[in-house]
Amino acid sequence: MADELRVAHAEGKGAVELALLSMAKLGPAFGVISFIAVFRMAFDVPIHVLQRAQAWERFGGGGVQISDQEFSALLSPRLTD
């Protein structure tokens, strides 16, 4: 999965598209923990950034949520090949 994300990013996919790709590929196994693991393996995103990103509204958790735009702004600078 990490390799697929790196390839998709090299093809121009952004953070939201990569997360949605992960969601589609992992199906019911996709959740906050798998998101953190996959993005960490694919892009070595620091844990503190991923912890903030887990508030993404599409995870459906309660509390303070972040939008697609905030999610993208948070992760985009960390997505390196």
C-alpha atoms as a PDB file:
ATOM      1  CA  MET A   1       0.000   0.000   0.000  1.00  0.00           C
ATOM      2  CA  ALA A   2       2.821   2.436   0.817  1.00  0.00           C
ATOM      3  CA  ASP A   3       4.346   1.907  -2.624  1.00  0.00           C
ATOM      4  CA  GLU A   4       0.983   2.559  -4.281  1.00  0.00           C
ATOM      5  CA  LEU A   5       0.652   5.835  -2.386  1.00  0.00           C
ATOM      6  CA  ARG A   6       4.136   6.955  -3.412  1.00  0.00           C
ATOM      7  CA  VAL A   7       3.356   6.188  -7.074  1.00  0.00           C
ATOM      8  CA  ALA A   8       0.009   7.995  -6.879  1.00  0.00           C
ATOM      9  CA  HIS A   9       1.692  11.004  -5.282  1.00  0.00           C
ATOM     10  CA  ALA A  10       4.350  11.038  -8.030  1.00  0.00           C
ATOM     11  CA  GLU A  11       1.449  11.089 -10.511  1.00  0.00           C
ATOM     12  CA  GLY A  12       0.123  14.248  -8.866  1.00  0.00           C
ATOM     13  CA  LYS A  13      -2.373  13.011  -6.292  1.00  0.00           C
ATOM     14  CA  GLY A  14      -2.733  15.168  -3.188  1.00  0.00           C
ATOM     15  CA  ALA A  15      -3.270  14.281   0.461  1.00  0.00           C
ATOM     16  CA  VAL A  16      -7.052  13.892   0.275  1.00  0.00           C
ATOM     17  CA  GLU A  17      -6.852  11.785  -2.893  1.00  0.00           C
ATOM     18  CA  LEU A  18      -4.180   9.589  -1.307  1.00  0.00           C
ATOM     19  CA  ALA A  19      -6.266   9.071   1.817  1.00  0.00           C
ATOM     20  CA  LEU A  20      -9.303   8.214  -0.309  1.00  0.00           C
ATOM     21  CA  LEU A  21      -7.177   5.777  -2.319  1.00  0.00           C
ATOM     22  CA  SER A  22      -6.119   4.137   0.943  1.00  0.00           C
ATOM     23  CA  MET A  23      -9.736   4.003   2.034  1.00  0.00           C
ATOM     24  CA  ALA A  24     -10.787   2.344  -1.228  1.00  0.00           C
ATOM     25  CA  LYS A  25      -7.950  -0.195  -1.183  1.00  0.00           C
ATOM     26  CA  LEU A  26      -8.296  -1.159   2.486  1.00  0.00           C
ATOM     27  CA  GLY A  27     -12.083  -1.128   2.578  1.00  0.00           C
ATOM     28  CA  PRO A  28     -13.471  -1.914   6.027  1.00  0.00           C
ATOM     29  CA  ALA A  29      -9.929  -2.235   7.401  1.00  0.00           C
ATOM     30  CA  PHE A  30      -9.364   1.479   6.764  1.00  0.00           C
ATOM     31  CA  GLY A  31      -9.442   3.644   9.859  1.00  0.00           C
ATOM     32  CA  VAL A  32      -7.327   6.052  11.824  1.00  0.00           C
ATOM     33  CA  ILE A  33      -4.712   3.443  12.793  1.00  0.00           C
ATOM     34  CA  SER A  34      -4.263   2.105   9.257  1.00  0.00           C
ATOM     35  CA  PHE A  35      -4.148   5.679   7.911  1.00  0.00           C
ATOM     36  CA  ILE A  36      -1.369   6.578  10.343  1.00  0.00           C
ATOM     37  CA  ALA A  37       0.563   3.400   9.541  1.00  0.00           C
ATOM     38  CA  VAL A  38       0.299   3.752   5.760  1.00  0.00           C
ATOM     39  CA  PHE A  39       1.170   7.461   5.612  1.00  0.00           C
ATOM     40  CA  ARG A  40       4.036   6.917   8.029  1.00  0.00           C
ATOM     41  CA  MET A  41       5.434   4.078   5.900  1.00  0.00           C
ATOM     42  CA  ALA A  42       4.869   5.838   2.581  1.00  0.00           C
ATOM     43  CA  PHE A  43       6.079   9.328   3.444  1.00  0.00           C
ATOM     44  CA  ASP A  44       7.620   9.175   6.929  1.00  0.00           C
ATOM     45  CA  VAL A  45       5.131  11.776   8.142  1.00  0.00           C
ATOM     46  CA  PRO A  46       5.870  12.624  11.790  1.00  0.00           C
ATOM     47  CA  ILE A  47       3.483  11.103  14.309  1.00  0.00           C
ATOM     48  CA  HIS A  48       2.436  14.498  15.724  1.00  0.00           C
ATOM     49  CA  VAL A  49       1.274  15.569  12.246  1.00  0.00           C
ATOM     50  CA  LEU A  50      -0.643  12.324  11.732  1.00  0.00           C
ATOM     51  CA  GLN A  51      -2.247  12.670  15.155  1.00  0.00           C
ATOM     52  CA  ARG A  52      -3.610  16.055  14.121  1.00  0.00           C
ATOM     53  CA  ALA A  53      -4.671  14.679  10.723  1.00  0.00           C
ATOM     54  CA  GLN A  54      -6.777  11.997  12.398  1.00  0.00           C
ATOM     55  CA  ALA A  55      -9.322  14.751  13.123  1.00  0.00           C
ATOM     56  CA  TRP A  56     -10.196  14.716   9.396  1.00  0.00           C
ATOM     57  CA  GLU A  57     -13.956  14.941   8.977  1.00  0.00           C
ATOM     58  CA  ARG A  58     -14.040  11.889   6.696  1.00  0.00           C
ATOM     59  CA  PHE A  59     -12.917   9.655   9.557  1.00  0.00           C
ATOM     60  CA  GLY A  60     -16.273  10.426  11.132  1.00  0.00           C
ATOM     61  CA  GLY A  61     -15.006  10.862  14.678  1.00  0.00           C
ATOM     62  CA  GLY A  62     -16.566  13.199  17.153  1.00  0.00           C
ATOM     63  CA  GLY A  63     -15.117  16.368  18.564  1.00  0.00           C
ATOM     64  CA  VAL A  64     -13.258  19.012  16.626  1.00  0.00           C
ATOM     65  CA  GLN A  65     -12.849  17.968  13.014  1.00  0.00           C
ATOM     66  CA  ILE A  66     -10.735  19.343  10.184  1.00  0.00           C
ATOM     67  CA  SER A  67     -11.917  19.842   6.612  1.00  0.00           C
ATOM     68  CA  ASP A  68     -10.429  18.429   3.414  1.00  0.00           C
ATOM     69  CA  GLN A  69      -8.619  21.731   2.934  1.00  0.00           C
ATOM     70  CA  GLU A  70      -7.098  21.669   6.434  1.00  0.00           C
ATOM     71  CA  PHE A  71      -6.166  18.000   6.028  1.00  0.00           C
ATOM     72  CA  SER A  72      -4.435  18.766   2.747  1.00  0.00           C
ATOM     73  CA  ALA A  73      -2.640  21.829   4.124  1.00  0.00           C
ATOM     74  CA  LEU A  74      -1.411  19.811   7.087  1.00  0.00           C
ATOM     75  CA  LEU A  75      -0.104  16.849   5.095  1.00  0.00           C
ATOM     76  CA  SER A  76       0.939  18.270   1.726  1.00  0.00           C
ATOM     77  CA  PRO A  77       4.277  19.717   2.896  1.00  0.00           C
ATOM     78  CA  ARG A  78       5.144  16.284   4.367  1.00  0.00           C
ATOM     79  CA  LEU A  79       4.431  14.220   1.257  1.00  0.00           C
ATOM     80  CA  THR A  80       7.863  13.643  -0.173  1.00  0.00           C
ATOM     81  CA  ASP A  81       9.106  11.013  -2.575  1.00  0.00           C
END
